[in-house]
Amino acid sequence: MSRRRLGLAAAALALTVPLAGCMTVHGERALIPSATRAQAAQVLAHFAAQNNKATKAYDEQAVASIEAGPLGAIDQAGVRARHVNSPQGNPDFTPLVFSDTTYVIPKQRGWPKFFLAETKTNRNGDARWLLAFRRSSPTDPWKADFLATAAPGALPDFLVDKDGYARAVPLAGTDLLVQPGQLSSQYARYLDAGDTSGTPFAPGPATTGVRADHQQNAKSANTVTQYADQADTAGDFAPVALRTKDGGAMVFFASRHQSRSTFRAGYRLNLDKDTQALTSGTPKTSITLSHVAQSMVRVPAKSAGGQVEFLSRLVGLVSATGA
């Protein structure tokens, strides 16, 4: 009997901490740095410590208290599944270590505020990690909403002022080819569209590659699979954007993706242990997989021409339903 294997994408954990001390300037009115570099370093150090604690114990509550947005959704599901299968924790745990870190801190007025940590790790070879930390008020903890990975030299240069602070880009009303707040909805429409002529997205694994995979897997001798893609920009899923030296911006955004596979009678569905742990119901005739994606893209200015280029796209299974 032929089998189909559906797996759970792995995701790195990301954790946060409230900053010590306080600012004497009102962050809701004044244009000020979102954090000092010393504070950002403190956040990342605590991030590493808590990341290792949660990863070693597969502690979902620890993740939930210090992550949010798409990264939190992916990591909570991943830890939940692994805890079911390894309740005693991770037997192959290796501590996460950061090095060669640069902080990209914008000046902002109002809340929420965010900053980026670009760093090397002892994982993923030479790839750089970019973590977007955000908090909604002076009394809230910083939480990691987005994680992206990129090869050295693949990242654009951020525009900074004379003091080295970056410039945050609003979600609407900009001179960009696509408004940051519209990237998620336009991407979902692109993946579902029959005709993609005039798309703002450049060809690549996250665009033409995903569409090709959908077409290839839509029908086989054993299954029929339908795909649905949705935008998500609510709350901690809201995009984060920074201006680059070339006049464009680098933007983090989230999206949700479902696939429903219906299989023939007698077909034996083979799910890995992590996917089984996240599955409710019994997949007798079908299974619906729900994924969250976190993407980092380069968006050019409208006047510059070009297209939106994906620099990173990390996807994780968050739930599954059998019927």
Protein backbone atom coordinates (compact mmCIF):
# COMPACT_ATOMS: atom_id res chain seq x y z
CA MET A 1 0.00 0.00 0.00
CA SER A 2 1.41 3.39 -0.89
CA ARG A 3 1.92 5.88 1.91
CA ARG A 4 2.12 9.62 2.26
CA ARG A 5 4.21 11.21 5.00
CA LEU A 6 3.25 14.58 6.39
CA GLY A 7 5.81 16.24 8.66
CA LEU A 8 6.11 19.04 11.18
CA ALA A 9 8.48 21.85 10.27
CA ALA A 10 11.04 22.58 12.96
CA ALA A 11 11.32 26.10 14.35
CA ALA A 12 13.82 27.74 16.68
CA LEU A 13 12.57 29.04 20.01
CA ALA A 14 12.78 32.73 20.80
CA LEU A 15 12.26 34.24 24.24
CA THR A 16 12.12 37.69 25.84
CA VAL A 17 12.44 39.70 29.03
CA PRO A 18 11.24 43.07 30.36
CA LEU A 19 13.94 45.72 30.35
CA ALA A 20 15.30 46.96 33.62
CA GLY A 21 15.07 50.68 34.37
CA CYS A 22 12.81 53.27 32.79
CA MET A 23 12.93 56.15 30.36
CA THR A 24 12.33 59.70 31.53
CA VAL A 25 10.96 60.75 28.12
CA HIS A 26 7.35 59.90 27.26
CA GLY A 27 7.58 57.19 24.63
CA GLU A 28 4.04 57.78 23.43
CA ARG A 29 4.83 61.36 22.30
CA ALA A 30 8.55 61.84 21.75
CA LEU A 31 10.61 60.39 18.91
CA ILE A 32 13.10 58.27 20.86
CA PRO A 33 15.10 55.06 20.40
CA SER A 34 12.95 52.02 21.11
CA ALA A 35 15.70 50.73 23.43
CA THR A 36 19.29 51.46 24.31
CA ARG A 37 21.93 49.10 22.97
CA ALA A 38 22.69 47.94 26.49
CA GLN A 39 19.03 47.11 27.03
CA ALA A 40 18.82 45.28 23.71
CA ALA A 41 21.86 43.22 24.67
CA GLN A 42 20.21 42.38 27.99
CA VAL A 43 17.07 41.20 26.17
CA LEU A 44 19.08 38.93 23.87
CA ALA A 45 21.13 37.47 26.72
CA HIS A 46 17.98 36.58 28.61
CA PHE A 47 16.50 35.30 25.37
CA ALA A 48 19.36 32.79 25.05
CA ALA A 49 19.06 31.64 28.66
CA GLN A 50 15.30 31.17 28.52
CA ASN A 51 15.44 29.62 25.07
CA ASN A 52 17.76 26.93 26.37
CA LYS A 53 15.59 26.33 29.41
CA ALA A 54 12.39 25.96 27.38
CA THR A 55 13.98 23.87 24.62
CA LYS A 56 15.55 21.47 27.10
CA ALA A 57 12.29 20.89 29.02
CA TYR A 58 9.83 21.28 26.10
CA ASP A 59 7.95 23.79 28.26
CA GLU A 60 5.07 25.32 26.29
CA GLN A 61 4.05 27.73 29.06
CA ALA A 62 7.56 29.14 29.19
CA VAL A 63 7.40 29.82 25.47
CA ALA A 64 3.92 31.35 25.69
CA SER A 65 5.01 33.79 28.38
CA ILE A 66 7.90 35.20 26.38
CA GLU A 67 7.01 34.79 22.67
CA ALA A 68 4.19 36.20 20.58
CA GLY A 69 3.10 36.62 16.99
CA PRO A 70 3.88 34.04 14.33
CA LEU A 71 7.07 32.88 16.06
CA GLY A 72 5.16 32.23 19.27
CA ALA A 73 2.41 30.33 17.44
CA ILE A 74 4.92 28.09 15.68
CA ASP A 75 7.10 27.46 18.72
CA GLN A 76 4.24 26.76 21.12
CA ALA A 77 2.85 24.12 18.75
CA GLY A 78 6.27 22.59 18.20
CA VAL A 79 7.07 22.39 21.92
CA ARG A 80 3.58 21.02 22.67
CA ALA A 81 4.07 18.20 20.16
CA ARG A 82 7.57 17.35 21.33
CA HIS A 83 6.50 17.34 24.98
CA VAL A 84 3.79 14.77 24.15
CA ASN A 85 6.38 12.50 22.56
CA SER A 86 9.23 13.26 25.01
CA PRO A 87 7.66 14.33 28.33
CA GLN A 88 11.02 14.07 30.08
CA GLY A 89 12.49 16.74 27.81
CA ASN A 90 14.96 16.87 24.95
CA PRO A 91 17.55 14.06 25.24
CA ASP A 92 19.67 15.64 22.50
CA PHE A 93 19.61 19.19 23.87
CA THR A 94 22.43 21.50 22.75
CA PRO A 95 22.53 25.04 24.21
CA LEU A 96 21.94 27.90 21.78
CA VAL A 97 24.83 30.38 21.67
CA PHE A 98 24.83 33.83 20.05
CA SER A 99 27.91 35.69 18.78
CA ASP A 100 28.85 38.62 16.55
CA THR A 101 25.58 40.43 17.29
CA THR A 102 24.42 43.74 15.82
CA TYR A 103 21.36 45.61 17.10
CA VAL A 104 19.16 47.57 14.71
CA ILE A 105 17.26 50.06 16.86
CA PRO A 106 14.84 52.55 15.33
CA LYS A 107 13.65 55.84 16.76
CA GLN A 108 9.90 55.65 17.28
CA ARG A 109 7.00 57.69 18.54
CA GLY A 110 4.15 55.88 20.27
CA TRP A 111 3.57 52.19 20.90
CA PRO A 112 4.28 49.41 20.14
CA LYS A 113 8.06 49.70 19.82
CA PHE A 114 10.48 47.19 18.33
CA PHE A 115 14.14 46.48 17.56
CA LEU A 116 16.08 43.79 15.69
CA ALA A 117 18.96 41.62 16.79
CA GLU A 118 21.08 40.31 13.91
CA THR A 119 23.36 37.57 15.16
CA LYS A 120 25.36 34.46 14.40
CA THR A 121 24.47 31.24 16.22
CA ASN A 122 25.96 27.80 16.71
CA ARG A 123 23.18 26.46 14.46
CA ASN A 124 22.37 26.76 10.74
CA GLY A 125 26.01 27.03 9.68
CA ASP A 126 26.96 30.56 8.62
CA ALA A 127 23.38 31.80 8.36
CA ARG A 128 22.53 34.97 10.25
CA TRP A 129 19.50 35.06 12.55
CA LEU A 130 17.30 38.15 12.71
CA LEU A 131 14.99 38.39 15.70
CA ALA A 132 12.33 41.10 15.90
CA PHE A 133 11.52 42.00 19.52
CA ARG A 134 8.44 44.09 20.24
CA ARG A 135 6.48 45.37 23.24
CA SER A 136 3.20 47.26 23.44
CA SER A 137 3.77 49.51 26.46
CA PRO A 138 6.48 50.50 28.96
CA THR A 139 5.19 47.90 31.43
CA ASP A 140 4.98 45.00 28.98
CA PRO A 141 7.81 42.52 28.48
CA TRP A 142 9.72 42.46 25.23
CA LYS A 143 8.62 39.46 23.17
CA ALA A 144 10.08 37.94 20.02
CA ASP A 145 7.44 38.07 17.29
CA PHE A 146 9.52 37.15 14.23
CA LEU A 147 12.57 35.07 13.37
CA ALA A 148 14.29 35.06 9.99
CA THR A 149 17.49 33.49 8.69
CA ALA A 150 19.65 34.78 5.86
CA ALA A 151 23.01 34.04 4.31
CA PRO A 152 25.86 36.44 5.11
CA GLY A 153 25.84 39.34 2.70
CA ALA A 154 22.22 38.76 1.64
CA LEU A 155 20.80 41.48 3.87
CA PRO A 156 20.30 45.08 2.70
CA ASP A 157 21.95 47.95 4.54
CA PHE A 158 19.64 49.78 6.90
CA LEU A 159 19.32 53.54 6.75
CA VAL A 160 20.62 55.05 10.01
CA ASP A 161 21.00 58.59 11.33
CA LYS A 162 24.17 60.24 12.62
CA ASP A 163 23.72 58.46 15.97
CA GLY A 164 23.33 55.04 14.36
CA TYR A 165 19.58 54.68 14.87
CA ALA A 166 17.40 53.10 12.18
CA ARG A 167 14.16 54.44 10.72
CA ALA A 168 10.91 52.54 11.24
CA VAL A 169 8.50 52.45 8.29
CA PRO A 170 4.73 52.81 8.89
CA LEU A 171 2.36 50.11 7.68
CA ALA A 172 0.55 52.44 5.24
CA GLY A 173 1.06 55.71 3.37
CA THR A 174 4.62 55.00 2.24
CA ASP A 175 6.41 55.32 -1.11
CA LEU A 176 7.02 51.54 -1.27
CA LEU A 177 5.91 49.24 -4.09
CA VAL A 178 3.64 47.42 -1.60
CA GLN A 179 2.54 48.91 1.71
CA PRO A 180 3.92 46.81 4.61
CA GLY A 181 0.41 46.35 6.00
CA GLN A 182 -0.76 44.89 2.65
CA LEU A 183 2.00 42.33 2.11
CA SER A 184 0.20 39.51 3.94
CA SER A 185 -3.07 39.91 2.02
CA GLN A 186 -1.35 40.36 -1.34
CA TYR A 187 0.81 37.28 -0.73
CA ALA A 188 -2.22 35.16 0.20
CA ARG A 189 -4.04 36.31 -2.95
CA TYR A 190 -0.95 35.59 -5.05
CA LEU A 191 -0.70 31.98 -3.82
CA ASP A 192 -4.42 31.39 -4.50
CA ALA A 193 -4.61 33.27 -7.81
CA GLY A 194 -5.01 31.53 -11.13
CA ASP A 195 -3.37 34.37 -13.06
CA THR A 196 -0.26 35.92 -11.49
CA SER A 197 0.60 38.39 -14.25
CA GLY A 198 1.48 41.76 -12.77
CA THR A 199 2.38 40.27 -9.39
CA PRO A 200 4.68 42.38 -7.18
CA PHE A 201 6.49 39.25 -5.98
CA ALA A 202 9.75 38.07 -7.55
CA PRO A 203 10.13 34.42 -8.60
CA GLY A 204 11.68 32.14 -5.98
CA PRO A 205 11.09 29.25 -3.55
CA ALA A 206 8.54 31.24 -1.49
CA THR A 207 6.51 32.34 -4.52
CA THR A 208 6.69 30.39 -7.76
CA GLY A 209 8.13 27.45 -5.81
CA VAL A 210 5.17 27.25 -3.42
CA ARG A 211 2.67 27.56 -6.28
CA ALA A 212 4.45 24.78 -8.18
CA ASP A 213 4.34 22.53 -5.10
CA HIS A 214 0.61 23.17 -4.73
CA GLN A 215 -0.02 22.27 -8.36
CA GLN A 216 2.15 19.17 -8.18
CA ASN A 217 0.51 17.87 -4.99
CA ALA A 218 -3.07 18.85 -5.80
CA LYS A 219 -3.91 15.40 -7.15
CA SER A 220 -2.31 11.97 -7.01
CA ALA A 221 -3.45 8.40 -7.35
CA ASN A 222 -4.36 8.37 -3.66
CA THR A 223 -5.23 11.92 -2.60
CA VAL A 224 -6.79 15.20 -3.66
CA THR A 225 -5.43 18.25 -1.83
CA GLN A 226 -6.98 21.72 -1.65
CA TYR A 227 -5.07 24.78 -0.45
CA ALA A 228 -6.24 27.98 1.21
CA ASP A 229 -4.04 30.93 2.17
CA GLN A 230 -5.04 33.75 4.54
CA ALA A 231 -3.56 37.03 5.67
CA ASP A 232 -2.95 37.75 9.35
CA THR A 233 -1.90 41.20 10.54
CA ALA A 234 -3.79 41.40 13.84
CA GLY A 235 -2.08 42.28 17.12
CA ASP A 236 1.34 40.69 17.46
CA PHE A 237 1.08 39.41 13.88
CA ALA A 238 1.35 42.99 12.59
CA PRO A 239 4.30 43.56 10.23
CA VAL A 240 7.58 45.18 11.28
CA ALA A 241 9.38 47.39 8.73
CA LEU A 242 12.68 49.28 8.55
CA ARG A 243 13.95 51.65 5.87
CA THR A 244 17.00 50.56 3.85
CA LYS A 245 19.71 52.73 2.28
CA ASP A 246 18.46 52.07 -1.25
CA GLY A 247 15.15 53.78 -0.47
CA GLY A 248 13.20 50.57 0.04
CA ALA A 249 12.44 48.64 3.22
CA MET A 250 12.94 45.29 4.86
CA VAL A 251 9.65 43.95 6.20
CA PHE A 252 8.67 41.04 8.43
CA PHE A 253 5.12 39.75 7.94
CA ALA A 254 3.01 36.70 8.76
CA SER A 255 0.48 34.55 6.89
CA ARG A 256 -1.60 31.42 7.47
CA HIS A 257 -1.86 28.41 5.18
CA GLN A 258 -4.17 25.39 5.16
CA SER A 259 -4.19 22.21 3.13
CA ARG A 260 -6.98 19.63 3.16
CA SER A 261 -6.08 16.22 1.78
CA THR A 262 -8.86 13.76 1.02
CA PHE A 263 -7.70 10.21 0.38
CA ARG A 264 -9.25 7.12 -1.20
CA ALA A 265 -10.78 4.30 0.82
CA GLY A 266 -8.15 1.92 2.13
CA TYR A 267 -5.34 4.44 1.82
CA ARG A 268 -2.89 4.28 4.70
CA LEU A 269 -1.90 7.73 5.92
CA ASN A 270 1.48 7.83 7.63
CA LEU A 271 1.93 10.78 10.02
CA ASP A 272 5.12 11.48 11.94
CA LYS A 273 4.88 11.60 15.75
CA ASP A 274 4.92 15.39 16.02
CA THR A 275 2.06 15.77 13.54
CA GLN A 276 0.10 13.05 15.32
CA ALA A 277 0.51 14.96 18.61
CA LEU A 278 -1.09 18.06 17.06
CA THR A 279 -3.95 16.18 15.37
CA SER A 280 -7.47 16.26 16.73
CA GLY A 281 -10.04 13.80 15.41
CA THR A 282 -9.30 10.66 13.41
CA PRO A 283 -8.17 11.07 9.78
CA LYS A 284 -10.37 8.37 8.26
CA THR A 285 -10.99 10.11 4.94
CA SER A 286 -9.18 13.46 5.20
CA ILE A 287 -6.76 15.59 7.17
CA THR A 288 -6.49 19.38 7.32
CA LEU A 289 -3.11 20.88 8.18
CA SER A 290 -2.83 24.47 9.42
CA HIS A 291 0.52 26.24 9.12
CA VAL A 292 1.82 29.68 10.09
CA ALA A 293 4.53 31.35 8.02
CA GLN A 294 6.83 34.20 9.02
CA SER A 295 8.55 35.94 6.13
CA MET A 296 11.22 38.60 5.71
CA VAL A 297 11.18 40.48 2.41
CA ARG A 298 12.94 43.32 0.68
CA VAL A 299 10.41 45.83 -0.72
CA PRO A 300 11.68 48.41 -3.22
CA ALA A 301 10.45 51.97 -3.52
CA LYS A 302 7.73 52.28 -6.14
CA SER A 303 9.87 54.67 -8.16
CA ALA A 304 12.82 52.26 -8.23
CA GLY A 305 11.07 49.46 -10.07
CA GLY A 306 11.76 45.86 -9.23
CA GLN A 307 9.73 43.37 -7.19
CA VAL A 308 9.30 42.18 -3.62
CA GLU A 309 12.08 39.68 -2.85
CA PHE A 310 11.81 37.02 -0.14
CA LEU A 311 14.95 36.77 1.97
CA SER A 312 13.53 34.26 4.48
CA ARG A 313 10.35 32.21 4.95
CA LEU A 314 10.00 29.90 7.95
CA VAL A 315 6.87 27.76 8.23
CA GLY A 316 5.54 25.66 11.12
CA LEU A 317 2.57 23.35 11.62
CA VAL A 318 0.29 24.68 14.38
CA SER A 319 -2.63 22.23 14.23
CA ALA A 320 -4.17 19.35 12.30
CA THR A 321 -7.71 17.98 12.10
CA GLY A 322 -8.74 14.52 10.95
CA ALA A 323 -12.15 13.56 9.62
